[in-house]
Amino acid sequence: MNVFELTRALVDIESITLNEEAVGNFLYDYLAPLAARFGGSVERVAAEPHRFNVFAQWGQPLGVTLSTHIDTVPPFFASSESETHIFGRGACDAKGIAAAMIHAVEGLLEAGERGFGLLFVAGEERNSAGAYRAARDGRGSRSPAAARRSTLPAAGGIPISAERFELGSTGSLSPTGTGVCAPAPD
């Protein structure tokens, strides 16, 4: 599935906050063969009943994790497409982003790169349940201990251990710079 098809497939799954289970299952099912093929792992990480994060990882140590959310604001509307744009709830925020991340990971894996992960969180639009869960267990962080050390009280304990990275012209992935933080939940 190319990045545009994947974007539309994700957009066409209704996932208004508190109803992310179907899109989470789709992502898990999409990533499982990729994890099996390239020696990675993928898991559902419970945030609340029927709500979970999807975390996939290839290689150790974990150098960088690409992350976004999988829920949307209401109302749901399915995808459509023009010659230059894809429309639909979540096309820009954040299902198109998720599709682009997955497409980039597919390219990195084909190029032999390892040491990175994907983290898709539930509940960003309302209660940040998935982000709070990720902060508690360090899933997607370079290490759980680093996640606990690298939190901002003002950001509700959201991890700030993600690093900037450079993607070289040959597909190489190099962590650089200093930590950054996610926006604080409401």
N, C-alpha and C. Protein backbone atom coordinates (compact mmCIF):
# COMPACT_ATOMS: atom_id res chain seq x y z
N MET A 1 0.86 -1.17 0.00
CA MET A 1 0.00 0.00 0.00
C MET A 1 0.90 1.24 0.00
N ASN A 2 0.70 2.15 -0.95
CA ASN A 2 1.52 3.36 -0.95
C ASN A 2 1.03 4.33 0.12
N VAL A 3 1.76 5.42 0.33
CA VAL A 3 1.44 6.35 1.42
C VAL A 3 0.07 6.99 1.24
N PHE A 4 -0.35 7.23 0.00
CA PHE A 4 -1.66 7.85 -0.23
C PHE A 4 -2.79 6.86 0.06
N GLU A 5 -2.62 5.62 -0.37
CA GLU A 5 -3.62 4.58 -0.08
C GLU A 5 -3.72 4.33 1.43
N LEU A 6 -2.56 4.31 2.09
CA LEU A 6 -2.55 4.09 3.53
C LEU A 6 -3.23 5.26 4.26
N THR A 7 -2.96 6.48 3.82
CA THR A 7 -3.63 7.64 4.41
C THR A 7 -5.14 7.50 4.29
N ARG A 8 -5.62 7.19 3.10
CA ARG A 8 -7.06 7.06 2.90
C ARG A 8 -7.64 5.91 3.71
N ALA A 9 -6.93 4.79 3.79
CA ALA A 9 -7.41 3.66 4.59
C ALA A 9 -7.56 4.07 6.06
N LEU A 10 -6.59 4.80 6.58
CA LEU A 10 -6.66 5.25 7.98
C LEU A 10 -7.78 6.26 8.18
N VAL A 11 -7.90 7.23 7.27
CA VAL A 11 -8.94 8.24 7.38
C VAL A 11 -10.33 7.60 7.35
N ASP A 12 -10.48 6.54 6.58
CA ASP A 12 -11.79 5.90 6.43
C ASP A 12 -12.20 5.06 7.64
N ILE A 13 -11.34 4.98 8.64
CA ILE A 13 -11.69 4.29 9.90
C ILE A 13 -12.09 5.36 10.91
N GLU A 14 -13.34 5.33 11.32
CA GLU A 14 -13.80 6.31 12.32
C GLU A 14 -13.06 6.07 13.63
N SER A 15 -12.43 7.10 14.16
CA SER A 15 -11.67 6.96 15.41
C SER A 15 -11.77 8.21 16.27
N ILE A 16 -12.98 8.71 16.40
CA ILE A 16 -13.20 9.84 17.30
C ILE A 16 -12.75 9.42 18.69
N THR A 17 -12.13 10.32 19.43
CA THR A 17 -11.62 10.01 20.77
C THR A 17 -12.62 9.17 21.55
N LEU A 18 -12.10 8.17 22.22
CA LEU A 18 -12.80 7.12 22.97
C LEU A 18 -13.24 5.97 22.08
N ASN A 19 -12.99 6.07 20.78
CA ASN A 19 -13.36 5.02 19.83
C ASN A 19 -12.19 4.70 18.90
N GLU A 20 -11.00 4.54 19.48
CA GLU A 20 -9.79 4.31 18.67
C GLU A 20 -9.48 2.84 18.42
N GLU A 21 -10.26 1.94 18.97
CA GLU A 21 -9.93 0.52 18.91
C GLU A 21 -9.78 0.00 17.48
N ALA A 22 -10.68 0.36 16.58
CA ALA A 22 -10.62 -0.16 15.21
C ALA A 22 -9.37 0.33 14.48
N VAL A 23 -9.03 1.61 14.62
CA VAL A 23 -7.83 2.10 13.93
C VAL A 23 -6.57 1.52 14.57
N GLY A 24 -6.60 1.31 15.89
CA GLY A 24 -5.47 0.66 16.54
C GLY A 24 -5.27 -0.76 16.05
N ASN A 25 -6.37 -1.50 15.91
CA ASN A 25 -6.27 -2.87 15.38
C ASN A 25 -5.77 -2.88 13.94
N PHE A 26 -6.22 -1.91 13.12
CA PHE A 26 -5.74 -1.81 11.75
C PHE A 26 -4.23 -1.59 11.73
N LEU A 27 -3.75 -0.65 12.54
CA LEU A 27 -2.31 -0.37 12.58
C LEU A 27 -1.52 -1.59 13.06
N TYR A 28 -2.01 -2.24 14.09
CA TYR A 28 -1.35 -3.45 14.59
C TYR A 28 -1.26 -4.49 13.47
N ASP A 29 -2.38 -4.74 12.80
CA ASP A 29 -2.40 -5.74 11.72
C ASP A 29 -1.52 -5.33 10.55
N TYR A 30 -1.39 -4.05 10.28
CA TYR A 30 -0.54 -3.58 9.19
C TYR A 30 0.94 -3.74 9.56
N LEU A 31 1.27 -3.43 10.82
CA LEU A 31 2.67 -3.44 11.24
C LEU A 31 3.19 -4.84 11.58
N ALA A 32 2.31 -5.77 11.97
CA ALA A 32 2.75 -7.11 12.38
C ALA A 32 3.57 -7.82 11.30
N PRO A 33 3.12 -7.86 10.03
CA PRO A 33 3.95 -8.51 9.01
C PRO A 33 5.28 -7.79 8.77
N LEU A 34 5.27 -6.47 8.90
CA LEU A 34 6.51 -5.69 8.75
C LEU A 34 7.48 -6.03 9.88
N ALA A 35 6.96 -6.15 11.09
CA ALA A 35 7.80 -6.54 12.23
C ALA A 35 8.34 -7.95 12.03
N ALA A 36 7.50 -8.89 11.60
CA ALA A 36 7.94 -10.27 11.39
C ALA A 36 9.00 -10.35 10.29
N ARG A 37 8.80 -9.62 9.23
CA ARG A 37 9.73 -9.66 8.08
C ARG A 37 11.10 -9.11 8.41
N PHE A 38 11.14 -8.07 9.27
CA PHE A 38 12.40 -7.38 9.53
C PHE A 38 12.89 -7.54 10.96
N GLY A 39 12.45 -8.59 11.66
CA GLY A 39 12.96 -8.88 12.99
C GLY A 39 12.58 -7.86 14.05
N GLY A 40 11.41 -7.28 13.92
CA GLY A 40 10.95 -6.31 14.90
C GLY A 40 9.89 -6.89 15.80
N SER A 41 9.24 -6.02 16.51
CA SER A 41 8.13 -6.43 17.37
C SER A 41 7.05 -5.35 17.31
N VAL A 42 5.83 -5.77 17.53
CA VAL A 42 4.71 -4.82 17.59
C VAL A 42 3.79 -5.28 18.71
N GLU A 43 3.25 -4.32 19.45
CA GLU A 43 2.37 -4.68 20.55
C GLU A 43 1.30 -3.62 20.77
N ARG A 44 0.23 -4.08 21.37
CA ARG A 44 -0.82 -3.18 21.86
C ARG A 44 -0.49 -2.90 23.32
N VAL A 45 -0.48 -1.64 23.71
CA VAL A 45 -0.19 -1.26 25.08
C VAL A 45 -1.44 -0.57 25.64
N ALA A 46 -2.13 -1.25 26.55
CA ALA A 46 -3.40 -0.74 27.07
C ALA A 46 -3.23 0.63 27.71
N ALA A 47 -4.13 1.54 27.33
CA ALA A 47 -4.19 2.87 27.96
C ALA A 47 -5.42 2.94 28.87
N GLU A 48 -6.53 2.45 28.38
CA GLU A 48 -7.80 2.36 29.10
C GLU A 48 -8.56 1.20 28.46
N PRO A 49 -9.65 0.74 29.05
CA PRO A 49 -10.41 -0.34 28.42
C PRO A 49 -10.80 0.00 26.97
N HIS A 50 -10.49 -0.90 26.06
CA HIS A 50 -10.78 -0.77 24.62
C HIS A 50 -10.01 0.38 23.96
N ARG A 51 -8.99 0.87 24.61
CA ARG A 51 -8.16 1.95 24.08
C ARG A 51 -6.71 1.57 24.34
N PHE A 52 -5.91 1.61 23.30
CA PHE A 52 -4.52 1.19 23.45
C PHE A 52 -3.62 1.96 22.50
N ASN A 53 -2.35 2.02 22.87
CA ASN A 53 -1.31 2.52 21.99
C ASN A 53 -0.82 1.35 21.15
N VAL A 54 -0.24 1.65 20.02
CA VAL A 54 0.42 0.64 19.20
C VAL A 54 1.90 1.03 19.15
N PHE A 55 2.74 0.11 19.62
CA PHE A 55 4.18 0.36 19.64
C PHE A 55 4.89 -0.71 18.83
N ALA A 56 5.72 -0.28 17.90
CA ALA A 56 6.53 -1.20 17.09
C ALA A 56 7.98 -0.77 17.19
N GLN A 57 8.87 -1.74 17.19
CA GLN A 57 10.30 -1.44 17.34
C GLN A 57 11.12 -2.39 16.49
N TRP A 58 12.19 -1.84 15.91
CA TRP A 58 13.14 -2.62 15.15
C TRP A 58 14.52 -2.32 15.67
N GLY A 59 15.16 -3.30 16.28
CA GLY A 59 16.54 -3.17 16.74
C GLY A 59 16.69 -2.54 18.10
N GLN A 60 17.85 -2.78 18.68
CA GLN A 60 18.27 -2.24 19.97
C GLN A 60 19.66 -1.63 19.79
N PRO A 61 20.02 -0.59 20.44
CA PRO A 61 19.17 0.22 21.30
C PRO A 61 18.23 1.08 20.46
N LEU A 62 17.19 1.54 21.09
CA LEU A 62 16.21 2.40 20.43
C LEU A 62 16.79 3.81 20.34
N GLY A 63 17.07 4.27 19.13
CA GLY A 63 17.67 5.59 18.93
C GLY A 63 16.65 6.69 18.79
N VAL A 64 15.53 6.38 18.16
CA VAL A 64 14.49 7.39 17.93
C VAL A 64 13.15 6.68 17.78
N THR A 65 12.10 7.33 18.23
CA THR A 65 10.74 6.82 18.06
C THR A 65 9.91 7.89 17.39
N LEU A 66 9.31 7.54 16.27
CA LEU A 66 8.38 8.45 15.59
C LEU A 66 7.01 8.22 16.20
N SER A 67 6.34 9.30 16.60
CA SER A 67 5.09 9.14 17.32
C SER A 67 4.06 10.18 16.90
N THR A 68 2.81 9.74 16.86
CA THR A 68 1.67 10.63 16.67
C THR A 68 0.45 9.97 17.29
N HIS A 69 -0.68 10.63 17.21
CA HIS A 69 -1.90 10.08 17.80
C HIS A 69 -2.80 9.48 16.74
N ILE A 70 -3.76 8.65 17.19
CA ILE A 70 -4.63 7.93 16.25
C ILE A 70 -6.09 8.31 16.38
N ASP A 71 -6.42 9.21 17.29
CA ASP A 71 -7.81 9.63 17.44
C ASP A 71 -8.06 10.94 16.69
N THR A 72 -9.32 11.23 16.47
CA THR A 72 -9.72 12.47 15.79
C THR A 72 -10.82 13.17 16.58
N VAL A 73 -11.05 14.41 16.21
CA VAL A 73 -12.19 15.15 16.76
C VAL A 73 -13.43 14.80 15.94
N PRO A 74 -14.62 15.01 16.49
CA PRO A 74 -15.85 14.79 15.71
C PRO A 74 -16.09 15.98 14.77
N PRO A 75 -16.92 15.82 13.76
CA PRO A 75 -17.59 14.59 13.36
C PRO A 75 -16.72 13.80 12.39
N PHE A 76 -16.99 12.53 12.27
CA PHE A 76 -16.30 11.69 11.30
C PHE A 76 -16.78 12.03 9.90
N PHE A 77 -15.85 12.11 8.95
CA PHE A 77 -16.22 12.06 7.55
C PHE A 77 -15.11 11.35 6.79
N ALA A 78 -15.53 10.50 5.85
CA ALA A 78 -14.62 9.62 5.12
C ALA A 78 -13.75 10.41 4.16
N SER A 79 -12.77 9.72 3.60
CA SER A 79 -11.81 10.37 2.71
C SER A 79 -12.39 10.60 1.32
N SER A 80 -11.81 11.59 0.69
CA SER A 80 -12.01 11.84 -0.74
C SER A 80 -10.70 12.41 -1.24
N GLU A 81 -10.59 12.55 -2.55
CA GLU A 81 -9.31 12.92 -3.12
C GLU A 81 -9.51 13.79 -4.34
N SER A 82 -8.64 14.78 -4.49
CA SER A 82 -8.57 15.57 -5.72
C SER A 82 -7.24 15.22 -6.40
N GLU A 83 -6.89 15.93 -7.42
CA GLU A 83 -5.61 15.66 -8.08
C GLU A 83 -4.43 15.97 -7.17
N THR A 84 -4.62 16.85 -6.20
CA THR A 84 -3.50 17.29 -5.37
C THR A 84 -3.69 17.11 -3.87
N HIS A 85 -4.88 16.75 -3.40
CA HIS A 85 -5.15 16.70 -1.96
C HIS A 85 -5.96 15.46 -1.57
N ILE A 86 -5.75 15.03 -0.35
CA ILE A 86 -6.60 14.02 0.28
C ILE A 86 -7.37 14.75 1.37
N PHE A 87 -8.68 14.54 1.40
CA PHE A 87 -9.54 15.18 2.38
C PHE A 87 -10.14 14.11 3.29
N GLY A 88 -10.57 14.51 4.46
CA GLY A 88 -11.23 13.61 5.41
C GLY A 88 -10.74 13.88 6.81
N ARG A 89 -11.54 13.46 7.79
CA ARG A 89 -11.18 13.70 9.19
C ARG A 89 -9.89 12.97 9.52
N GLY A 90 -8.88 13.72 9.90
CA GLY A 90 -7.60 13.14 10.26
C GLY A 90 -6.59 13.10 9.13
N ALA A 91 -6.94 13.57 7.94
CA ALA A 91 -6.00 13.49 6.82
C ALA A 91 -4.70 14.23 7.13
N CYS A 92 -4.80 15.38 7.80
CA CYS A 92 -3.60 16.14 8.19
C CYS A 92 -3.25 15.92 9.65
N ASP A 93 -4.23 15.71 10.49
CA ASP A 93 -4.03 15.60 11.93
C ASP A 93 -4.77 14.38 12.45
N ALA A 94 -4.15 13.24 12.51
CA ALA A 94 -2.74 12.94 12.30
C ALA A 94 -2.59 11.64 11.51
N LYS A 95 -3.64 11.23 10.77
CA LYS A 95 -3.56 9.96 10.06
C LYS A 95 -2.63 10.03 8.85
N GLY A 96 -2.60 11.17 8.18
CA GLY A 96 -1.63 11.35 7.10
C GLY A 96 -0.20 11.32 7.63
N ILE A 97 -0.02 11.88 8.82
CA ILE A 97 1.29 11.86 9.47
C ILE A 97 1.67 10.41 9.79
N ALA A 98 0.74 9.64 10.34
CA ALA A 98 1.00 8.23 10.66
C ALA A 98 1.39 7.46 9.40
N ALA A 99 0.66 7.68 8.32
CA ALA A 99 0.97 6.99 7.06
C ALA A 99 2.36 7.36 6.56
N ALA A 100 2.72 8.64 6.66
CA ALA A 100 4.06 9.08 6.22
C ALA A 100 5.15 8.45 7.10
N MET A 101 4.91 8.36 8.40
CA MET A 101 5.88 7.71 9.29
C MET A 101 6.07 6.25 8.92
N ILE A 102 4.97 5.54 8.71
CA ILE A 102 5.05 4.13 8.36
C ILE A 102 5.78 3.96 7.03
N HIS A 103 5.47 4.80 6.06
CA HIS A 103 6.14 4.73 4.76
C HIS A 103 7.65 4.97 4.91
N ALA A 104 8.02 5.94 5.75
CA ALA A 104 9.45 6.21 5.99
C ALA A 104 10.12 5.01 6.65
N VAL A 105 9.44 4.40 7.62
CA VAL A 105 9.99 3.22 8.30
C VAL A 105 10.16 2.07 7.32
N GLU A 106 9.20 1.88 6.43
CA GLU A 106 9.35 0.81 5.41
C GLU A 106 10.61 1.04 4.58
N GLY A 107 10.87 2.28 4.19
CA GLY A 107 12.08 2.58 3.43
C GLY A 107 13.35 2.36 4.23
N LEU A 108 13.34 2.77 5.49
CA LEU A 108 14.51 2.56 6.35
C LEU A 108 14.79 1.07 6.55
N LEU A 109 13.75 0.29 6.76
CA LEU A 109 13.94 -1.15 6.94
C LEU A 109 14.50 -1.79 5.68
N GLU A 110 13.98 -1.42 4.53
CA GLU A 110 14.50 -1.94 3.26
C GLU A 110 15.97 -1.59 3.07
N ALA A 111 16.38 -0.41 3.60
CA ALA A 111 17.78 0.04 3.49
C ALA A 111 18.68 -0.60 4.55
N GLY A 112 18.10 -1.43 5.43
CA GLY A 112 18.89 -2.13 6.45
C GLY A 112 19.04 -1.38 7.76
N GLU A 113 18.36 -0.28 7.92
CA GLU A 113 18.47 0.49 9.16
C GLU A 113 17.68 -0.17 10.28
N ARG A 114 18.16 -0.01 11.51
CA ARG A 114 17.48 -0.51 12.70
C ARG A 114 17.72 0.49 13.83
N GLY A 115 17.08 0.24 14.97
CA GLY A 115 17.28 1.10 16.14
C GLY A 115 16.24 2.21 16.25
N PHE A 116 15.03 1.95 15.75
CA PHE A 116 13.98 2.96 15.80
C PHE A 116 12.64 2.30 16.04
N GLY A 117 11.66 3.13 16.37
CA GLY A 117 10.33 2.60 16.64
C GLY A 117 9.24 3.54 16.18
N LEU A 118 8.03 3.04 16.26
CA LEU A 118 6.81 3.81 15.98
C LEU A 118 5.92 3.70 17.21
N LEU A 119 5.32 4.81 17.61
CA LEU A 119 4.39 4.81 18.73
C LEU A 119 3.17 5.62 18.33
N PHE A 120 2.03 4.95 18.29
CA PHE A 120 0.76 5.60 17.97
C PHE A 120 -0.09 5.60 19.23
N VAL A 121 -0.46 6.78 19.70
CA VAL A 121 -1.14 6.90 20.99
C VAL A 121 -2.62 7.24 20.84
N ALA A 122 -3.39 6.76 21.80
CA ALA A 122 -4.84 7.01 21.86
C ALA A 122 -5.11 8.26 22.70
N GLY A 123 -6.16 8.97 22.36
CA GLY A 123 -6.70 9.99 23.25
C GLY A 123 -6.08 11.36 23.23
N GLU A 124 -5.28 11.69 22.26
CA GLU A 124 -4.63 13.00 22.27
C GLU A 124 -5.64 14.14 22.20
N GLU A 125 -6.73 13.94 21.48
CA GLU A 125 -7.69 15.03 21.27
C GLU A 125 -8.50 15.36 22.52
N ARG A 126 -8.53 14.46 23.51
CA ARG A 126 -9.36 14.73 24.68
C ARG A 126 -8.61 14.60 26.00
N ASN A 127 -8.14 13.39 26.33
CA ASN A 127 -7.58 13.19 27.67
C ASN A 127 -6.14 12.69 27.69
N SER A 128 -5.52 12.55 26.55
CA SER A 128 -4.12 12.12 26.45
C SER A 128 -3.84 10.80 27.16
N ALA A 129 -4.82 9.90 27.19
CA ALA A 129 -4.66 8.61 27.88
C ALA A 129 -3.45 7.85 27.37
N GLY A 130 -3.25 7.82 26.07
CA GLY A 130 -2.12 7.08 25.51
C GLY A 130 -0.78 7.72 25.84
N ALA A 131 -0.72 9.04 25.82
CA ALA A 131 0.52 9.73 26.16
C ALA A 131 0.87 9.52 27.62
N TYR A 132 -0.14 9.58 28.49
CA TYR A 132 0.13 9.32 29.90
C TYR A 132 0.63 7.90 30.10
N ARG A 133 0.06 6.94 29.38
CA ARG A 133 0.52 5.55 29.50
C ARG A 133 1.96 5.42 29.02
N ALA A 134 2.26 6.04 27.89
CA ALA A 134 3.63 5.99 27.37
C ALA A 134 4.61 6.61 28.36
N ALA A 135 4.20 7.69 29.02
CA ALA A 135 5.08 8.33 30.00
C ALA A 135 5.30 7.44 31.22
N ARG A 136 4.27 6.71 31.63
CA ARG A 136 4.39 5.84 32.81
C ARG A 136 5.34 4.68 32.58
N ASP A 137 5.28 4.05 31.41
CA ASP A 137 6.10 2.84 31.23
C ASP A 137 7.31 3.06 30.33
N GLY A 138 7.45 4.25 29.78
CA GLY A 138 8.63 4.53 28.97
C GLY A 138 8.61 3.88 27.60
N ARG A 139 7.48 3.27 27.21
CA ARG A 139 7.40 2.59 25.93
C ARG A 139 7.64 3.61 24.81
N GLY A 140 8.62 3.34 23.98
CA GLY A 140 8.97 4.25 22.91
C GLY A 140 10.09 5.20 23.28
N SER A 141 10.47 5.21 24.56
CA SER A 141 11.58 6.04 25.01
C SER A 141 12.87 5.26 24.79
N ARG A 142 13.97 5.95 24.84
CA ARG A 142 15.26 5.26 24.74
C ARG A 142 15.40 4.27 25.88
N SER A 143 14.82 4.55 27.02
CA SER A 143 14.76 3.59 28.12
C SER A 143 13.71 4.08 29.10
N PRO A 144 13.04 3.16 29.83
CA PRO A 144 12.05 3.60 30.82
C PRO A 144 12.65 4.55 31.84
N ALA A 145 13.89 4.29 32.28
CA ALA A 145 14.51 5.18 33.26
C ALA A 145 14.71 6.57 32.68
N ALA A 146 15.11 6.64 31.41
CA ALA A 146 15.28 7.95 30.77
C ALA A 146 13.95 8.67 30.67
N ALA A 147 12.88 7.94 30.38
CA ALA A 147 11.57 8.57 30.30
C ALA A 147 11.16 9.14 31.64
N ARG A 148 11.44 8.42 32.72
CA ARG A 148 11.08 8.93 34.04
C ARG A 148 11.91 10.15 34.40
N ARG A 149 13.20 10.16 34.00
CA ARG A 149 14.05 11.32 34.29
C ARG A 149 13.72 12.49 33.40
N SER A 150 13.19 12.24 32.21
CA SER A 150 13.01 13.26 31.20
C SER A 150 11.55 13.64 31.04
N THR A 151 10.95 14.09 32.11
CA THR A 151 9.57 14.54 32.03
C THR A 151 9.46 15.94 32.57
N LEU A 152 8.47 16.64 32.13
CA LEU A 152 8.22 18.00 32.60
C LEU A 152 6.96 18.01 33.45
N PRO A 153 7.05 18.40 34.72
CA PRO A 153 5.82 18.47 35.51
C PRO A 153 4.76 19.35 34.85
N ALA A 154 5.17 20.43 34.24
CA ALA A 154 4.21 21.33 33.58
C ALA A 154 3.52 20.66 32.40
N ALA A 155 4.13 19.62 31.85
CA ALA A 155 3.55 18.91 30.71
C ALA A 155 2.84 17.65 31.18
N GLY A 156 2.53 17.57 32.46
CA GLY A 156 1.77 16.43 32.96
C GLY A 156 2.55 15.13 32.93
N GLY A 157 3.89 15.20 32.93
CA GLY A 157 4.69 13.99 32.92
C GLY A 157 4.87 13.39 31.54
N ILE A 158 4.60 14.15 30.50
CA ILE A 158 4.78 13.65 29.13
C ILE A 158 6.28 13.53 28.85
N PRO A 159 6.72 12.44 28.22
CA PRO A 159 8.16 12.26 28.00
C PRO A 159 8.75 13.34 27.10
N ILE A 160 9.98 13.71 27.41
CA ILE A 160 10.70 14.65 26.55
C ILE A 160 11.99 14.01 26.04
N SER A 161 12.01 12.67 26.01
CA SER A 161 13.25 11.99 25.68
C SER A 161 13.43 11.75 24.19
N ALA A 162 12.48 12.17 23.37
CA ALA A 162 12.66 12.03 21.92
C ALA A 162 13.78 12.95 21.47
N GLU A 163 14.55 12.52 20.51
CA GLU A 163 15.63 13.33 20.00
C GLU A 163 15.35 13.73 18.56
N ARG A 164 15.96 14.82 18.15
CA ARG A 164 15.95 15.15 16.73
C ARG A 164 16.81 14.12 16.02
N PHE A 165 16.58 13.94 14.74
CA PHE A 165 17.42 13.02 14.00
C PHE A 165 17.60 13.51 12.58
N GLU A 166 18.63 13.01 11.95
CA GLU A 166 18.90 13.34 10.56
C GLU A 166 18.72 12.09 9.72
N LEU A 167 18.03 12.23 8.61
CA LEU A 167 17.84 11.15 7.67
C LEU A 167 18.73 11.43 6.48
N GLY A 168 19.79 10.64 6.34
CA GLY A 168 20.76 10.87 5.27
C GLY A 168 20.22 10.46 3.91
N SER A 169 20.88 10.91 2.87
CA SER A 169 20.45 10.62 1.50
C SER A 169 20.50 9.13 1.18
N THR A 170 21.27 8.37 1.94
CA THR A 170 21.34 6.93 1.72
C THR A 170 20.38 6.17 2.60
N GLY A 171 19.56 6.90 3.37
CA GLY A 171 18.61 6.25 4.26
C GLY A 171 19.14 6.05 5.66
N SER A 172 20.36 6.56 5.95
CA SER A 172 20.90 6.41 7.30
C SER A 172 20.14 7.28 8.28
N LEU A 173 20.01 6.82 9.50
CA LEU A 173 19.26 7.50 10.54
C LEU A 173 20.21 7.79 11.68
N SER A 174 20.42 9.08 12.00
CA SER A 174 21.37 9.46 13.03
C SER A 174 20.73 10.38 14.06
N PRO A 175 20.56 9.90 15.32
CA PRO A 175 20.05 10.80 16.36
C PRO A 175 21.02 11.93 16.61
N THR A 176 20.52 13.15 16.76
CA THR A 176 21.36 14.31 17.03
C THR A 176 20.63 15.24 17.98
N GLY A 177 21.33 16.21 18.48
CA GLY A 177 20.69 17.30 19.22
C GLY A 177 20.27 16.92 20.62
N THR A 178 19.34 17.70 21.13
CA THR A 178 18.88 17.55 22.49
C THR A 178 17.43 17.11 22.52
N GLY A 179 16.95 16.78 23.69
CA GLY A 179 15.57 16.30 23.84
C GLY A 179 14.55 17.37 23.53
N VAL A 180 13.39 16.92 23.16
CA VAL A 180 12.27 17.80 22.88
C VAL A 180 11.06 17.28 23.65
N CYS A 181 10.02 18.09 23.79
CA CYS A 181 8.86 17.61 24.53
C CYS A 181 7.61 17.66 23.67
N ALA A 182 6.66 16.83 24.06
CA ALA A 182 5.33 16.85 23.43
C ALA A 182 4.55 18.01 24.04
N PRO A 183 3.55 18.50 23.34
CA PRO A 183 2.72 19.55 23.93
C PRO A 183 2.03 19.05 25.18
N ALA A 184 1.81 19.94 26.10
CA ALA A 184 1.13 19.57 27.33
C ALA A 184 -0.33 19.30 27.05
N PRO A 185 -0.90 18.24 27.66
CA PRO A 185 -2.33 18.01 27.48
C PRO A 185 -3.13 19.10 28.17
N ASP A 186 -4.39 19.28 27.76
CA ASP A 186 -5.24 20.31 28.37
C ASP A 186 -5.42 20.05 29.84
